[in-house]
Amino acid sequence: MTRPILDSEPPPVSVEAIPDDHEFVCLTLGPYVFGAPDNHSAYRLHNAAIYFKSPVAVGDHWAGLLGSFNLDKLNKTRLAVVASDAHTARTASSEAGRRVATFEDRAYNGLRALLIQGNPFESHVAGLEIRRVFDAGRFREEAAMMRPRTSHPWERIFSIDDHALGTADAVARSLDKIFARRDEFSRLQRGLDHWDQATMEHRLDLRLHALVRAIEALTAPKRGKTQKQFVDRCKVITKVAHAEHLLNEIYELRSQVEHSNDWRLAFQRTRPSLAADDAELLATLRVLQVELIARGAYLRVLLDSAFLESFRTDELIRRFWASPDRVRIWRDPVNLQSELKSFFDPHKAEIREQVMKIEQA
């Protein structure tokens, strides 16, 4: 069930616009947010808010700052994530930079909490980051372009429904905890940075490389045993037919990219008769599969506050993976076959059939 923003809930956030006396960071996206619902009420996350239209009341001076194109984009926003607080006289202007960074963390964690579940955008999307913070005795206002995640070419549009919003609230709380201190959850911090890098990457070979690194942040493999432990530990995270073969191919693709080789060389040993075009299609499928594994793994950790504690330090992570009960503790592995069916664009049925024939050959 959604938790709409109510007037009685602190901090006060208007459902129509950010109040004039608020300092804020607002991430605006649209109008091409296909997965955003129409006419949905604003929704409060842990320490941010999600709007489904533009919540920024802008003055005439913004036309010169943004230009008519970006201003039009702002006015037609279909998805916005806002972190804001009322300005108080106690705020020193010298703290403006720190205030902006705090608001950015809150807003981007709110956006990340949605995007780690799926992609509601068109294949390539950009947006605006609008900031207002009290500085030198006045409100300082500015804007910059932002670039959120990019969909896999075969990924269906993710719907931001009530379940997605509820999940985002829980994820945002865990993200706030993870990024609260530099000396705790440091592997998860780096892993989530790899996730962001991967899903903003248009080149699929580089995306796969970053996704494997994101998974390795969770699995903490030993040097010299990285591929073996990647495969063994991913078999705890995911359930899939021929797991050994598939996971080794994913890691071999990663290794070719690591050494600046054509990633299709990963199939020379396992599938020597594979044509170059078919190798490209199969590699593209492996990117989507490893993305689904990474997404499921992070959601498993982020949605269980007790389990999250097992990833607070490197020592705790190593202890978990050394435990004979790790399969029982992890519990729900990603069912890769059903996830692939759920996330594959139904309009790409022909390519799906083609690539599945290549995989099974």
Protein backbone atom coordinates (compact mmCIF):
# COMPACT_ATOMS: atom_id res chain seq x y z
CA MET A 1 0.00 0.00 0.00
CA THR A 2 1.27 3.49 -0.80
CA ARG A 3 2.00 6.02 1.91
CA PRO A 4 0.81 9.35 0.47
CA ILE A 5 2.28 12.54 1.84
CA LEU A 6 -0.01 13.95 4.51
CA ASP A 7 0.05 17.44 6.01
CA SER A 8 0.50 15.93 9.47
CA GLU A 9 3.69 14.08 8.56
CA PRO A 10 7.01 15.88 9.18
CA PRO A 11 8.87 17.33 7.45
CA PRO A 12 6.19 19.43 5.70
CA VAL A 13 6.22 18.86 1.95
CA SER A 14 3.51 20.31 -0.24
CA VAL A 15 1.84 17.99 -2.70
CA GLU A 16 1.76 20.84 -5.24
CA ALA A 17 5.20 22.45 -5.02
CA ILE A 18 8.25 22.70 -2.80
CA PRO A 19 7.45 25.44 -0.25
CA ASP A 20 9.09 28.80 -0.93
CA ASP A 21 10.99 28.75 2.36
CA HIS A 22 12.59 25.32 1.73
CA GLU A 23 16.14 24.50 0.78
CA PHE A 24 16.15 21.50 -1.55
CA VAL A 25 17.59 19.31 -4.25
CA CYS A 26 15.03 18.20 -6.82
CA LEU A 27 15.76 15.54 -9.45
CA THR A 28 13.31 15.95 -12.33
CA LEU A 29 12.77 13.43 -15.12
CA GLY A 30 10.39 13.40 -18.01
CA PRO A 31 8.19 13.72 -19.86
CA TYR A 32 9.24 10.30 -21.15
CA VAL A 33 8.86 8.30 -17.96
CA PHE A 34 6.63 5.57 -19.30
CA GLY A 35 6.46 3.66 -16.02
CA ALA A 36 5.30 6.62 -13.92
CA PRO A 37 1.59 6.46 -13.03
CA ASP A 38 -0.74 9.26 -14.04
CA ASN A 39 -2.36 11.38 -11.32
CA HIS A 40 -0.71 9.49 -8.44
CA SER A 41 -0.45 11.41 -5.20
CA ALA A 42 2.98 12.37 -3.90
CA TYR A 43 4.68 9.66 -1.89
CA ARG A 44 7.03 9.97 1.05
CA LEU A 45 10.13 7.82 1.22
CA HIS A 46 12.39 7.60 4.25
CA ASN A 47 13.80 11.13 3.97
CA ALA A 48 12.80 12.21 0.48
CA ALA A 49 9.61 12.48 -1.53
CA ILE A 50 8.53 11.23 -4.96
CA TYR A 51 6.25 13.30 -7.15
CA PHE A 52 4.56 12.37 -10.39
CA LYS A 53 4.52 15.89 -11.79
CA SER A 54 6.81 18.87 -11.37
CA PRO A 55 6.89 19.96 -7.72
CA VAL A 56 9.10 23.00 -8.34
CA ALA A 57 7.42 26.39 -8.43
CA VAL A 58 9.91 28.43 -10.46
CA GLY A 59 10.09 32.17 -11.01
CA ASP A 60 10.53 34.01 -14.29
CA HIS A 61 14.29 34.23 -13.72
CA TRP A 62 14.59 30.47 -14.34
CA ALA A 63 13.87 30.94 -18.05
CA GLY A 64 17.23 32.63 -18.48
CA LEU A 65 19.00 30.11 -16.27
CA LEU A 66 17.58 26.95 -17.83
CA GLY A 67 16.62 28.07 -21.33
CA SER A 68 13.21 27.44 -22.84
CA PHE A 69 13.98 23.81 -23.76
CA ASN A 70 14.96 22.76 -20.24
CA LEU A 71 12.26 24.88 -18.65
CA ASP A 72 9.69 23.13 -20.82
CA LYS A 73 11.16 19.80 -19.73
CA LEU A 74 10.87 20.87 -16.09
CA ASN A 75 7.24 21.90 -16.49
CA LYS A 76 6.41 18.54 -18.10
CA THR A 77 8.16 16.42 -15.48
CA ARG A 78 6.43 13.11 -14.79
CA LEU A 79 8.79 11.88 -12.08
CA ALA A 80 10.68 13.93 -9.51
CA VAL A 81 12.56 13.02 -6.34
CA VAL A 82 12.94 15.79 -3.77
CA ALA A 83 14.91 16.20 -0.55
CA SER A 84 14.09 19.39 1.28
CA ASP A 85 13.96 21.06 4.67
CA ALA A 86 12.65 24.44 5.77
CA HIS A 87 15.40 27.05 5.96
CA THR A 88 16.18 28.21 9.48
CA ALA A 89 18.09 31.29 10.60
CA ARG A 90 20.57 28.99 12.34
CA THR A 91 21.94 27.76 9.01
CA ALA A 92 25.24 29.47 8.28
CA SER A 93 25.92 30.38 4.66
CA SER A 94 29.32 28.67 4.93
CA GLU A 95 27.48 25.37 5.27
CA ALA A 96 25.80 25.71 1.86
CA GLY A 97 28.04 23.11 0.22
CA ARG A 98 27.46 20.59 2.96
CA ARG A 99 23.72 21.21 2.82
CA VAL A 100 23.64 20.62 -0.93
CA ALA A 101 25.62 17.38 -0.52
CA THR A 102 23.22 16.17 2.18
CA PHE A 103 20.17 16.92 0.04
CA GLU A 104 21.80 15.26 -2.98
CA ASP A 105 22.50 12.10 -0.99
CA ARG A 106 18.92 11.91 0.16
CA ALA A 107 17.45 12.60 -3.27
CA TYR A 108 19.75 10.27 -5.17
CA ASN A 109 19.17 7.47 -2.66
CA GLY A 110 15.46 7.95 -3.22
CA LEU A 111 15.93 7.69 -6.97
CA ARG A 112 18.29 4.72 -6.57
CA ALA A 113 15.68 2.97 -4.40
CA LEU A 114 13.33 3.05 -7.38
CA LEU A 115 15.83 2.31 -10.14
CA ILE A 116 17.40 -0.70 -8.43
CA GLN A 117 14.04 -2.40 -8.97
CA GLY A 118 13.79 -1.73 -12.71
CA ASN A 119 13.83 0.94 -15.40
CA PRO A 120 10.73 3.11 -15.90
CA PHE A 121 12.36 5.19 -18.64
CA GLU A 122 12.87 5.07 -22.35
CA SER A 123 16.18 3.54 -23.39
CA HIS A 124 18.14 6.81 -22.99
CA VAL A 125 17.00 9.52 -20.62
CA ALA A 126 18.39 12.64 -19.03
CA GLY A 127 16.98 15.00 -16.45
CA LEU A 128 17.62 18.10 -14.40
CA GLU A 129 18.95 18.53 -10.90
CA ILE A 130 17.51 21.75 -9.46
CA ARG A 131 19.06 23.09 -6.26
CA ARG A 132 18.15 25.85 -3.85
CA VAL A 133 20.19 26.44 -0.73
CA PHE A 134 20.64 29.41 1.57
CA ASP A 135 23.99 31.02 0.92
CA ALA A 136 25.48 34.42 1.74
CA GLY A 137 22.24 35.82 3.10
CA ARG A 138 20.04 34.74 0.18
CA PHE A 139 18.73 31.66 -1.57
CA ARG A 140 21.19 30.41 -4.18
CA GLU A 141 19.45 28.61 -7.04
CA GLU A 142 21.11 26.56 -9.77
CA ALA A 143 20.51 23.67 -12.11
CA ALA A 144 22.57 20.97 -13.80
CA MET A 145 21.90 18.10 -16.17
CA MET A 146 21.66 14.66 -14.58
CA ARG A 147 21.84 11.22 -16.11
CA PRO A 148 20.06 8.34 -14.41
CA ARG A 149 20.24 4.71 -15.40
CA THR A 150 19.86 3.48 -18.96
CA SER A 151 17.76 0.45 -19.81
CA HIS A 152 19.09 -2.75 -21.28
CA PRO A 153 17.93 -2.83 -24.93
CA TRP A 154 15.73 -5.85 -24.21
CA GLU A 155 14.36 -4.72 -20.85
CA ARG A 156 10.67 -3.96 -20.44
CA ILE A 157 9.47 -0.69 -18.93
CA PHE A 158 9.22 -0.98 -15.16
CA SER A 159 5.93 0.20 -13.65
CA ILE A 160 6.18 2.40 -10.55
CA ASP A 161 3.16 0.86 -8.81
CA ASP A 162 2.24 0.75 -5.13
CA HIS A 163 4.45 -2.28 -4.49
CA ALA A 164 7.44 -0.55 -6.10
CA LEU A 165 6.91 2.53 -3.94
CA GLY A 166 6.66 0.47 -0.77
CA THR A 167 9.83 -1.39 -1.70
CA ALA A 168 11.58 1.90 -2.46
CA ASP A 169 10.76 3.18 1.02
CA ALA A 170 12.42 0.15 2.65
CA VAL A 171 15.41 0.31 0.30
CA ALA A 172 15.88 4.05 0.94
CA ARG A 173 16.11 3.40 4.69
CA SER A 174 18.85 0.81 4.16
CA LEU A 175 20.72 3.07 1.73
CA ASP A 176 20.70 5.87 4.27
CA LYS A 177 22.20 3.49 6.83
CA ILE A 178 24.84 2.18 4.41
CA PHE A 179 26.07 5.63 3.37
CA ALA A 180 25.90 7.21 6.84
CA ARG A 181 29.58 6.50 7.59
CA ARG A 182 32.64 5.84 5.45
CA ASP A 183 34.06 3.20 7.80
CA GLU A 184 31.02 0.90 7.78
CA PHE A 185 29.40 -0.97 4.87
CA SER A 186 32.32 0.20 2.73
CA ARG A 187 32.12 -2.79 0.35
CA LEU A 188 28.42 -2.17 -0.18
CA GLN A 189 29.09 1.50 -0.82
CA ARG A 190 31.57 0.59 -3.54
CA GLY A 191 29.29 -2.11 -4.89
CA LEU A 192 26.37 0.30 -5.22
CA ASP A 193 28.68 2.76 -6.99
CA HIS A 194 29.55 -0.04 -9.44
CA TRP A 195 25.83 -0.71 -9.87
CA ASP A 196 25.21 2.95 -10.70
CA GLN A 197 28.12 2.97 -13.12
CA ALA A 198 26.85 -0.17 -14.82
CA THR A 199 23.30 0.98 -15.30
CA MET A 200 24.33 4.39 -16.65
CA GLU A 201 26.64 2.71 -19.19
CA HIS A 202 25.46 2.52 -22.81
CA ARG A 203 28.21 0.08 -23.85
CA LEU A 204 27.08 -3.38 -22.80
CA ASP A 205 30.57 -4.85 -22.42
CA LEU A 206 31.49 -2.16 -19.90
CA ARG A 207 28.14 -2.59 -18.18
CA LEU A 208 28.74 -6.31 -17.66
CA HIS A 209 32.20 -5.62 -16.25
CA ALA A 210 30.79 -3.17 -13.68
CA LEU A 211 27.93 -5.52 -12.76
CA VAL A 212 30.35 -8.33 -11.94
CA ARG A 213 32.26 -5.91 -9.73
CA ALA A 214 29.00 -4.97 -8.01
CA ILE A 215 28.38 -8.64 -7.23
CA GLU A 216 31.96 -9.11 -6.05
CA ALA A 217 31.39 -6.33 -3.53
CA LEU A 218 28.83 -8.64 -1.93
CA THR A 219 30.79 -11.87 -2.29
CA ALA A 220 34.31 -10.64 -1.38
CA PRO A 221 36.29 -13.26 -3.35
CA LYS A 222 39.87 -14.04 -2.41
CA ARG A 223 42.63 -12.95 -4.77
CA GLY A 224 43.57 -15.82 -7.07
CA LYS A 225 40.16 -17.47 -6.60
CA THR A 226 37.93 -14.75 -7.99
CA GLN A 227 36.29 -16.70 -10.82
CA LYS A 228 35.78 -19.89 -8.83
CA GLN A 229 34.29 -18.02 -5.88
CA PHE A 230 32.20 -15.81 -8.15
CA VAL A 231 30.60 -18.93 -9.61
CA ASP A 232 30.23 -20.77 -6.29
CA ARG A 233 28.75 -17.80 -4.45
CA CYS A 234 26.46 -16.76 -7.28
CA LYS A 235 24.96 -20.26 -7.07
CA VAL A 236 23.79 -19.26 -3.58
CA ILE A 237 22.37 -15.99 -4.94
CA THR A 238 20.62 -17.38 -8.01
CA LYS A 239 18.82 -20.51 -9.15
CA VAL A 240 19.28 -21.34 -12.82
CA ALA A 241 19.71 -24.37 -15.05
CA HIS A 242 23.33 -25.12 -16.01
CA ALA A 243 24.48 -22.53 -13.46
CA GLU A 244 28.15 -23.54 -13.61
CA HIS A 245 28.32 -23.07 -17.39
CA LEU A 246 26.35 -19.80 -17.47
CA LEU A 247 28.21 -18.16 -14.58
CA ASN A 248 31.61 -19.14 -15.97
CA GLU A 249 30.65 -17.59 -19.31
CA ILE A 250 29.64 -14.38 -17.56
CA TYR A 251 32.98 -14.24 -15.77
CA GLU A 252 34.90 -15.02 -18.95
CA LEU A 253 33.10 -12.13 -20.65
CA ARG A 254 34.15 -9.91 -17.75
CA SER A 255 37.77 -11.07 -18.10
CA GLN A 256 37.91 -10.27 -21.80
CA VAL A 257 36.62 -6.76 -21.08
CA GLU A 258 39.10 -6.40 -18.20
CA HIS A 259 41.97 -7.01 -20.61
CA SER A 260 40.52 -4.76 -23.35
CA ASN A 261 39.76 -7.68 -25.64
CA ASP A 262 36.71 -8.21 -27.82
CA TRP A 263 34.31 -9.78 -25.34
CA ARG A 264 33.06 -12.27 -27.91
CA LEU A 265 36.38 -14.11 -27.46
CA ALA A 266 34.90 -15.46 -24.21
CA PHE A 267 32.96 -18.01 -26.27
CA GLN A 268 35.91 -19.34 -28.29
CA ARG A 269 36.50 -22.22 -25.87
CA THR A 270 32.94 -23.00 -24.79
CA ARG A 271 31.22 -22.41 -28.16
CA PRO A 272 33.94 -22.48 -30.86
CA SER A 273 31.46 -22.73 -33.75
CA LEU A 274 29.47 -19.66 -32.68
CA ALA A 275 29.24 -16.98 -35.39
CA ALA A 276 30.28 -13.44 -34.44
CA ASP A 277 26.74 -12.02 -34.66
CA ASP A 278 25.36 -14.85 -32.55
CA ALA A 279 28.16 -14.35 -30.01
CA GLU A 280 27.16 -10.69 -29.73
CA LEU A 281 23.53 -11.64 -29.11
CA LEU A 282 24.47 -14.21 -26.48
CA ALA A 283 26.77 -11.74 -24.74
CA THR A 284 23.92 -9.22 -24.72
CA LEU A 285 21.70 -11.81 -23.03
CA ARG A 286 24.40 -12.48 -20.43
CA VAL A 287 24.44 -8.76 -19.56
CA LEU A 288 20.71 -8.81 -18.81
CA GLN A 289 21.08 -12.02 -16.82
CA VAL A 290 23.92 -10.71 -14.65
CA GLU A 291 21.99 -7.48 -14.12
CA LEU A 292 19.03 -9.49 -12.82
CA ILE A 293 21.35 -11.46 -10.53
CA ALA A 294 22.94 -8.28 -9.17
CA ARG A 295 19.58 -6.56 -8.71
CA GLY A 296 18.11 -9.54 -6.88
CA ALA A 297 21.17 -9.89 -4.68
CA TYR A 298 21.17 -6.27 -3.59
CA LEU A 299 17.43 -6.25 -2.97
CA ARG A 300 17.81 -9.37 -0.80
CA VAL A 301 20.35 -7.53 1.36
CA LEU A 302 18.68 -4.11 1.34
CA LEU A 303 15.21 -5.37 2.24
CA ASP A 304 16.27 -7.35 5.31
CA SER A 305 17.67 -5.09 8.03
CA ALA A 306 18.91 -8.04 10.10
CA PHE A 307 20.65 -9.66 7.12
CA LEU A 308 22.14 -6.29 6.14
CA GLU A 309 24.24 -6.42 9.31
CA SER A 310 26.14 -9.38 7.84
CA PHE A 311 27.64 -6.94 5.32
CA ARG A 312 28.70 -4.17 7.70
CA THR A 313 32.42 -5.08 7.56
CA ASP A 314 34.71 -7.14 5.34
CA GLU A 315 35.24 -9.58 8.20
CA LEU A 316 31.50 -10.16 8.61
CA ILE A 317 31.12 -10.68 4.86
CA ARG A 318 33.92 -13.27 4.83
CA ARG A 319 32.37 -14.97 7.84
CA PHE A 320 29.02 -15.23 6.08
CA TRP A 321 30.47 -16.80 2.94
CA ALA A 322 32.53 -19.23 5.02
CA SER A 323 29.42 -20.36 6.91
CA PRO A 324 28.08 -23.84 6.12
CA ASP A 325 24.59 -22.33 6.59
CA ARG A 326 24.98 -19.64 3.96
CA VAL A 327 22.38 -21.18 1.61
CA ARG A 328 19.82 -21.43 4.41
CA ILE A 329 20.58 -17.89 5.64
CA TRP A 330 20.41 -16.36 2.14
CA ARG A 331 17.06 -18.08 1.63
CA ASP A 332 15.36 -16.83 -1.55
CA PRO A 333 17.71 -17.11 -4.53
CA VAL A 334 16.92 -15.23 -7.73
CA ASN A 335 14.99 -17.52 -10.06
CA LEU A 336 16.78 -16.36 -13.17
CA GLN A 337 14.41 -18.00 -15.63
CA SER A 338 11.29 -16.38 -14.16
CA GLU A 339 13.06 -13.03 -13.67
CA LEU A 340 14.18 -13.03 -17.29
CA LYS A 341 10.63 -13.76 -18.40
CA SER A 342 9.30 -10.96 -16.18
CA PHE A 343 11.81 -8.32 -17.26
CA PHE A 344 12.15 -9.15 -20.96
CA ASP A 345 10.36 -6.63 -23.19
CA PRO A 346 7.28 -8.41 -24.62
CA HIS A 347 7.74 -6.41 -27.83
CA LYS A 348 11.10 -8.16 -28.32
CA ALA A 349 9.63 -11.68 -28.48
CA GLU A 350 11.36 -12.38 -31.80
CA ILE A 351 14.83 -11.52 -30.49
CA ARG A 352 14.14 -13.48 -27.31
CA GLU A 353 13.30 -16.59 -29.32
CA GLN A 354 16.38 -16.10 -31.46
CA VAL A 355 18.81 -15.71 -28.56
CA MET A 356 17.31 -18.62 -26.63
CA LYS A 357 17.94 -20.87 -29.62
CA ILE A 358 21.57 -19.70 -29.66
CA GLU A 359 21.93 -20.37 -25.93
CA GLN A 360 20.49 -23.87 -26.17
CA ALA A 361 22.50 -24.85 -29.26
